[in-house]
Amino acid sequence: MKTLIIGSGPAGYTAAIYASRSGLEPVLYEGNLPGGQLTQTTEVDNFPGYPEGTTGNELMEDLRAQAERLGADIRMGVVTKVNFSLDGTSPHHVTVDDGTELDTDTIIISTGASAKYLGLDDEKKYAGMGVSACATCDGFFYRKKTVAVVGGGDTACEEAQYLATLCKKVYMIVRRDVLRASEAMQRKVRETDNIEILWNTQVRGLYGTDGVEGAHLSTGQDLAIDGLFLAIGHHPNSDIFRPAIECDAEGYIKVKHPTTETNIPGVFACGDVADPIYRQAISAAGSGCHAAMDAHRYLMNKG
């Protein structure tokens, strides 16, 4: 096999599109969540080519269909084990959860990153109905409304500031009595008039009929909000590739910028599993294109 793509979503499907057009005859295993995290998002308003907007499911179905039309072999299944060829002299060996074993000359990793949640049943109940883990993705839908951001680090402060430009009121729900963010980020939050910090507070539950209308707090207070944004971090889905694949302290796969090459010859990483900064569908799709082109160039140079 020339190319195996592990994981779907915007990065994986785009990699499959470009790999197919390059004659790499890619096989793609979709993983536990075909289409990736975007399938859990109801509305997508910021992906180019959809002037009226679309849904996460529709967008992923379109990308998947395009990849299949161009010849990608898309399969259900989860890759459970990878034995890398560390010097690139032999194929990489992969095991799938149904017992299938494959040898492949190149691997494109596009397994994404999973947002960390509080573990409340209400988070699942209101998924796509007021609960979000991406202010950049969903903040637009809460213009002139009241929202809350859970978290106290740099990401939470960035999300709160972004939402403050759109929303009438932004609460930051912080479980401690201090922010973990840098002093510069803290200062920006303090200087933003429509951000209010609720210290020593945790979310115990959510309520609402057709969507989030408020949050039950650990202080006994019910906080009226239209949306809850979680900013307590992401977990890159890179565990099965370590320690062979080099990752940063958070588990994001290191690539040799500006390429998608990893430390192992013939192995490339794209999308959120290698992106601790942007985590957007369009940037993931772009990196999927890069990974397929890098794989093609690698095989060409190898002869």
Protein backbone atom coordinates (compact mmCIF):
# COMPACT_ATOMS: atom_id res chain seq x y z
CA MET A 1 0.00 0.00 0.00
CA LYS A 2 1.26 3.47 -0.85
CA THR A 3 -0.61 5.62 1.68
CA LEU A 4 -2.67 4.97 4.79
CA ILE A 5 -4.61 7.82 6.39
CA ILE A 6 -5.47 7.34 10.06
CA GLY A 7 -8.43 9.47 11.09
CA SER A 8 -11.06 11.44 9.24
CA GLY A 9 -12.40 14.96 9.72
CA PRO A 10 -11.40 17.92 7.51
CA ALA A 11 -7.71 16.99 7.61
CA GLY A 12 -8.13 13.28 6.84
CA TYR A 13 -10.72 13.68 4.10
CA THR A 14 -8.77 16.49 2.43
CA ALA A 15 -5.61 14.39 2.59
CA ALA A 16 -7.59 11.58 0.92
CA ILE A 17 -8.76 13.94 -1.85
CA TYR A 18 -5.24 15.11 -2.65
CA ALA A 19 -3.66 11.69 -2.24
CA SER A 20 -6.23 10.20 -4.63
CA ARG A 21 -5.54 12.85 -7.25
CA SER A 22 -1.81 12.14 -6.89
CA GLY A 23 -2.28 8.45 -7.60
CA LEU A 24 -1.41 7.29 -4.09
CA GLU A 25 -4.53 5.07 -3.87
CA PRO A 26 -5.11 5.99 -0.22
CA VAL A 27 -6.89 3.84 2.33
CA LEU A 28 -8.50 5.87 5.13
CA TYR A 29 -9.69 4.48 8.47
CA GLU A 30 -12.25 6.85 9.97
CA GLY A 31 -11.75 6.07 13.66
CA ASN A 32 -14.24 6.18 16.53
CA LEU A 33 -15.91 9.38 15.32
CA PRO A 34 -16.26 9.38 11.51
CA GLY A 35 -16.00 12.97 10.36
CA GLY A 36 -14.30 14.09 13.56
CA GLN A 37 -15.39 16.66 16.13
CA LEU A 38 -17.10 18.80 13.52
CA THR A 39 -19.94 16.29 13.32
CA GLN A 40 -20.86 17.38 16.84
CA THR A 41 -21.29 21.00 15.71
CA THR A 42 -24.74 21.94 14.45
CA GLU A 43 -23.99 25.05 12.38
CA VAL A 44 -20.82 25.90 10.46
CA ASP A 45 -20.74 29.45 9.16
CA ASN A 46 -17.04 30.01 8.51
CA PHE A 47 -15.99 27.31 6.02
CA PRO A 48 -15.37 28.79 2.54
CA GLY A 49 -17.72 27.72 -0.23
CA TYR A 50 -20.89 27.64 1.87
CA PRO A 51 -22.35 31.16 1.56
CA GLU A 52 -25.53 30.17 3.39
CA GLY A 53 -23.66 28.15 6.01
CA THR A 54 -23.98 24.42 6.57
CA THR A 55 -23.90 21.86 9.37
CA GLY A 56 -20.89 19.94 10.58
CA ASN A 57 -22.41 16.67 9.39
CA GLU A 58 -23.21 17.99 5.93
CA LEU A 59 -19.74 19.44 5.52
CA MET A 60 -18.08 16.16 6.46
CA GLU A 61 -20.45 14.18 4.23
CA ASP A 62 -19.51 16.43 1.30
CA LEU A 63 -15.77 16.04 1.92
CA ARG A 64 -16.13 12.28 2.35
CA ALA A 65 -18.16 11.93 -0.84
CA GLN A 66 -15.60 13.94 -2.78
CA ALA A 67 -12.76 11.77 -1.52
CA GLU A 68 -14.66 8.60 -2.45
CA ARG A 69 -15.52 9.93 -5.91
CA LEU A 70 -11.82 10.47 -6.55
CA GLY A 71 -10.98 6.91 -5.54
CA ALA A 72 -10.16 6.92 -1.83
CA ASP A 73 -10.89 3.63 -0.05
CA ILE A 74 -12.68 4.83 3.10
CA ARG A 75 -13.21 2.19 5.77
CA MET A 76 -14.89 2.00 9.16
CA GLY A 77 -12.48 0.97 11.87
CA VAL A 78 -9.97 2.09 14.46
CA VAL A 79 -6.22 1.65 14.15
CA THR A 80 -5.09 0.11 17.43
CA LYS A 81 -1.36 -0.43 16.90
CA VAL A 82 1.39 0.90 14.66
CA ASN A 83 4.89 -0.55 14.24
CA PHE A 84 6.86 2.16 12.50
CA SER A 85 9.79 1.57 10.22
CA LEU A 86 12.14 3.97 11.97
CA ASP A 87 14.62 4.29 9.11
CA GLY A 88 12.18 4.15 6.20
CA THR A 89 13.78 1.05 4.68
CA SER A 90 10.71 -1.15 5.12
CA PRO A 91 6.93 -0.56 5.22
CA HIS A 92 5.13 0.57 8.36
CA HIS A 93 2.93 -2.13 9.88
CA VAL A 94 -0.55 -1.28 11.15
CA THR A 95 -3.18 -3.28 13.06
CA VAL A 96 -6.90 -2.42 12.95
CA ASP A 97 -9.49 -3.26 15.61
CA ASP A 98 -11.12 -5.93 13.40
CA GLY A 99 -7.81 -7.81 13.20
CA THR A 100 -6.80 -6.51 9.77
CA GLU A 101 -3.05 -6.01 9.37
CA LEU A 102 -1.62 -3.69 6.74
CA ASP A 103 1.76 -2.64 5.42
CA THR A 104 2.08 0.86 4.03
CA ASP A 105 4.88 2.99 2.60
CA THR A 106 3.52 6.23 4.08
CA ILE A 107 1.18 7.14 6.91
CA ILE A 108 -0.79 10.35 7.32
CA ILE A 109 -1.94 10.85 10.91
CA SER A 110 -5.11 12.95 11.21
CA THR A 111 -6.61 11.70 14.45
CA GLY A 112 -7.49 15.15 15.79
CA ALA A 113 -7.74 16.40 19.34
CA SER A 114 -10.60 15.94 21.78
CA ALA A 115 -11.88 18.85 23.85
CA LYS A 116 -11.82 18.28 27.59
CA TYR A 117 -15.23 18.42 29.23
CA LEU A 118 -16.40 18.74 32.80
CA GLY A 119 -18.02 15.31 32.79
CA LEU A 120 -21.58 16.51 33.30
CA ASP A 121 -24.50 14.66 31.71
CA ASP A 122 -25.92 18.05 30.71
CA GLU A 123 -22.91 18.67 28.45
CA LYS A 124 -24.08 15.84 26.22
CA LYS A 125 -27.71 16.84 26.52
CA TYR A 126 -27.04 20.37 25.29
CA ALA A 127 -24.26 19.58 22.81
CA GLY A 128 -24.86 21.86 19.85
CA MET A 129 -27.67 23.54 21.80
CA GLY A 130 -25.66 25.97 23.87
CA VAL A 131 -22.56 24.01 24.85
CA SER A 132 -19.41 24.58 22.82
CA ALA A 133 -15.67 24.05 23.12
CA CYS A 134 -14.74 26.60 20.45
CA ALA A 135 -15.57 30.29 20.72
CA THR A 136 -14.08 31.05 17.31
CA CYS A 137 -16.31 28.40 15.74
CA ASP A 138 -19.59 29.21 17.50
CA GLY A 139 -19.30 32.66 19.06
CA PHE A 140 -20.97 34.28 16.04
CA PHE A 141 -24.27 32.63 16.99
CA TYR A 142 -24.30 34.37 20.39
CA ARG A 143 -24.08 37.97 19.24
CA LYS A 144 -25.61 40.38 21.78
CA LYS A 145 -26.34 37.48 24.13
CA THR A 146 -24.98 36.43 27.52
CA VAL A 147 -22.49 33.56 27.73
CA ALA A 148 -20.08 31.96 30.18
CA VAL A 149 -16.56 30.63 29.68
CA VAL A 150 -15.27 27.87 31.96
CA GLY A 151 -11.55 28.00 32.66
CA GLY A 152 -8.80 30.21 34.01
CA GLY A 153 -5.86 29.76 31.67
CA ASP A 154 -4.65 31.65 28.61
CA THR A 155 -7.12 29.87 26.34
CA ALA A 156 -10.07 30.78 28.56
CA CYS A 157 -8.96 34.41 28.65
CA GLU A 158 -8.56 34.49 24.87
CA GLU A 159 -11.98 32.94 24.38
CA ALA A 160 -13.58 35.38 26.82
CA GLN A 161 -12.01 38.37 25.08
CA TYR A 162 -13.12 37.14 21.68
CA LEU A 163 -16.67 36.57 22.91
CA ALA A 164 -16.70 39.99 24.59
CA THR A 165 -16.47 41.58 21.14
CA LEU A 166 -19.68 39.81 20.12
CA CYS A 167 -21.71 39.26 23.27
CA LYS A 168 -23.55 41.56 25.62
CA LYS A 169 -22.04 39.91 28.70
CA VAL A 170 -19.35 37.28 29.31
CA TYR A 171 -18.89 35.48 32.61
CA MET A 172 -15.67 33.62 33.35
CA ILE A 173 -16.29 30.72 35.72
CA VAL A 174 -13.04 29.99 37.55
CA ARG A 175 -12.79 27.20 40.13
CA ARG A 176 -9.91 28.87 42.00
CA ASP A 177 -9.35 32.37 43.34
CA VAL A 178 -6.67 33.18 40.74
CA LEU A 179 -6.25 32.96 36.98
CA ARG A 180 -3.53 30.68 35.59
CA ALA A 181 -3.14 32.89 32.53
CA SER A 182 -0.16 35.12 31.86
CA GLU A 183 -0.21 38.56 33.45
CA ALA A 184 -0.73 40.19 30.06
CA MET A 185 -3.80 38.05 29.40
CA GLN A 186 -5.16 38.73 32.87
CA ARG A 187 -4.76 42.46 32.38
CA LYS A 188 -6.70 42.36 29.11
CA VAL A 189 -9.54 40.50 30.83
CA ARG A 190 -9.64 42.96 33.71
CA GLU A 191 -9.75 45.86 31.29
CA THR A 192 -12.71 44.48 29.34
CA ASP A 193 -15.88 46.01 30.77
CA ASN A 194 -18.33 43.27 29.80
CA ILE A 195 -16.29 40.39 31.27
CA GLU A 196 -17.07 39.40 34.86
CA ILE A 197 -15.11 36.72 36.72
CA LEU A 198 -16.89 34.38 39.13
CA TRP A 199 -14.17 33.14 41.48
CA ASN A 200 -14.18 29.85 43.43
CA THR A 201 -17.06 28.63 41.31
CA GLN A 202 -17.85 25.49 39.34
CA VAL A 203 -20.69 24.46 37.04
CA ARG A 204 -22.84 21.72 38.57
CA GLY A 205 -25.44 21.47 35.82
CA LEU A 206 -27.32 23.24 33.04
CA TYR A 207 -30.98 23.94 32.42
CA GLY A 208 -33.21 25.03 29.56
CA THR A 209 -36.08 23.79 27.42
CA ASP A 210 -34.89 24.02 23.82
CA GLY A 211 -31.30 24.90 24.63
CA VAL A 212 -29.15 26.28 27.41
CA GLU A 213 -30.93 28.95 29.44
CA GLY A 214 -28.71 28.88 32.49
CA ALA A 215 -26.20 27.08 34.69
CA HIS A 216 -26.45 25.71 38.21
CA LEU A 217 -23.34 26.83 40.08
CA SER A 218 -21.51 25.39 43.08
CA THR A 219 -22.31 28.58 44.99
CA GLY A 220 -26.01 27.68 44.90
CA GLN A 221 -26.68 30.40 42.36
CA ASP A 222 -28.46 29.88 39.05
CA LEU A 223 -26.74 31.93 36.35
CA ALA A 224 -28.87 32.96 33.37
CA ILE A 225 -26.83 32.43 30.18
CA ASP A 226 -27.50 31.60 26.54
CA GLY A 227 -24.35 29.58 25.99
CA LEU A 228 -21.53 27.80 27.84
CA PHE A 229 -18.05 27.68 26.36
CA LEU A 230 -15.55 25.16 27.74
CA ALA A 231 -11.93 26.32 27.69
CA ILE A 232 -10.21 23.78 29.90
CA GLY A 233 -7.96 22.33 27.23
CA HIS A 234 -7.76 19.70 24.50
CA HIS A 235 -6.23 16.24 24.42
CA PRO A 236 -4.49 15.40 21.14
CA ASN A 237 -5.29 11.86 20.03
CA SER A 238 -1.67 10.78 19.69
CA ASP A 239 -1.34 8.15 22.42
CA ILE A 240 -1.02 5.08 20.18
CA PHE A 241 1.83 6.67 18.22
CA ARG A 242 4.02 7.43 21.23
CA PRO A 243 6.83 7.20 22.15
CA ALA A 244 8.01 6.54 18.59
CA ILE A 245 6.48 9.79 17.31
CA GLU A 246 7.91 12.93 18.89
CA CYS A 247 5.29 15.04 20.66
CA ASP A 248 5.36 18.19 22.74
CA ALA A 249 4.60 18.28 26.45
CA GLU A 250 0.85 18.35 25.77
CA GLY A 251 0.94 15.43 23.34
CA TYR A 252 0.68 17.36 20.07
CA ILE A 253 2.74 15.73 17.33
CA LYS A 254 5.81 17.74 16.35
CA VAL A 255 6.21 18.40 12.64
CA LYS A 256 9.09 19.90 10.71
CA HIS A 257 7.58 23.21 9.67
CA PRO A 258 6.68 24.27 7.07
CA THR A 259 6.10 20.60 6.13
CA THR A 260 3.98 17.98 7.89
CA GLU A 261 6.91 15.58 8.30
CA THR A 262 7.36 13.90 11.67
CA ASN A 263 10.58 12.49 13.08
CA ILE A 264 9.88 9.16 11.31
CA PRO A 265 10.51 8.91 7.55
CA GLY A 266 7.29 8.51 5.58
CA VAL A 267 5.03 9.53 8.46
CA PHE A 268 3.16 12.83 8.33
CA ALA A 269 0.75 14.54 10.73
CA CYS A 270 -1.99 17.04 9.96
CA GLY A 271 -5.01 18.65 11.55
CA ASP A 272 -5.64 19.21 15.24
CA VAL A 273 -3.36 16.37 16.41
CA ALA A 274 -0.45 18.55 15.30
CA ASP A 275 -2.02 21.98 15.89
CA PRO A 276 -2.16 23.34 19.45
CA ILE A 277 -2.94 26.87 18.26
CA TYR A 278 -5.65 27.25 15.60
CA ARG A 279 -7.79 24.09 15.66
CA GLN A 280 -10.09 25.27 12.85
CA ALA A 281 -11.71 23.17 10.14
CA ILE A 282 -10.18 25.24 7.36
CA SER A 283 -6.64 25.12 8.76
CA ALA A 284 -7.01 21.37 9.32
CA ALA A 285 -8.14 20.91 5.72
CA GLY A 286 -5.16 22.93 4.51
CA SER A 287 -2.72 20.83 6.49
CA GLY A 288 -4.37 17.68 5.09
CA CYS A 289 -3.54 18.96 1.61
CA HIS A 290 0.06 19.57 2.72
CA ALA A 291 0.37 16.07 4.20
CA ALA A 292 -0.79 14.38 0.99
CA MET A 293 1.60 16.47 -1.08
CA ASP A 294 4.43 15.71 1.35
CA ALA A 295 3.67 11.97 1.14
CA HIS A 296 3.66 12.12 -2.65
CA ARG A 297 6.97 14.00 -2.71
CA TYR A 298 8.48 11.50 -0.26
CA LEU A 299 7.53 8.55 -2.45
CA MET A 300 8.77 10.30 -5.58
CA ASN A 301 12.16 11.00 -3.99
CA LYS A 302 12.36 7.45 -2.68
CA GLY A 303 11.78 6.16 -6.18
